[in-house]
């Protein structure tokens, strides 16, 4: 058995994955909606 607690190793693995996921989601959201957002700002 490992001396490390399983929750600790899981958080060590999951945190960077979650960070990566959030960043990729944010960039996807930006590319998808940025054009419409800019258009609305010009019309306003």
Protein backbone atom coordinates (compact mmCIF):
# COMPACT_ATOMS: atom_id res chain seq x y z
CA UNK A 1 0.00 0.00 0.00
CA UNK A 2 1.03 3.58 -0.55
CA UNK A 3 1.93 5.72 2.44
CA UNK A 4 0.03 8.62 0.88
CA UNK A 5 -3.69 8.85 1.51
CA UNK A 6 -5.80 8.01 -1.57
CA UNK A 7 -7.72 11.29 -1.34
CA UNK A 8 -4.46 13.24 -1.43
CA UNK A 9 -3.18 11.48 -4.55
CA UNK A 10 -6.59 11.84 -6.19
CA UNK A 11 -6.65 15.59 -5.57
CA UNK A 12 -3.08 15.83 -6.87
CA UNK A 13 -4.22 14.15 -10.08
CA UNK A 14 -7.62 15.82 -10.42
CA UNK A 15 -6.66 19.43 -9.75
CA UNK A 16 -4.43 19.99 -12.83
CA UNK A 17 -6.95 18.14 -15.01
CA UNK A 18 -9.76 20.37 -13.76
CA UNK A 19 -7.63 23.45 -14.34
CA UNK A 20 -6.84 22.34 -17.89
CA UNK A 21 -10.52 21.60 -18.54
CA UNK A 22 -11.58 25.01 -17.27
CA UNK A 23 -9.01 26.78 -19.43
CA UNK A 24 -9.99 24.88 -22.58
CA UNK A 25 -13.68 25.53 -21.86
CA UNK A 26 -12.98 29.24 -21.39
CA UNK A 27 -11.05 29.48 -24.67
CA UNK A 28 -13.81 27.57 -26.47
CA UNK A 29 -16.42 29.94 -25.01
CA UNK A 30 -14.35 32.96 -26.04
CA UNK A 31 -13.92 31.84 -29.66
CA UNK A 32 -17.60 30.90 -29.92
CA UNK A 33 -19.17 34.05 -28.45
CA UNK A 34 -16.53 36.76 -28.82
CA UNK A 35 -17.62 37.75 -32.33
CA UNK A 36 -21.25 38.16 -31.32
CA UNK A 37 -20.20 40.07 -28.20
CA UNK A 38 -18.07 42.49 -30.25
CA UNK A 39 -20.94 43.00 -32.70
CA UNK A 40 -23.37 43.82 -29.89
CA UNK A 41 -20.89 46.30 -28.43
CA UNK A 42 -20.55 48.08 -31.79
CA UNK A 43 -24.33 48.27 -32.23
CA UNK A 44 -24.91 49.60 -28.70
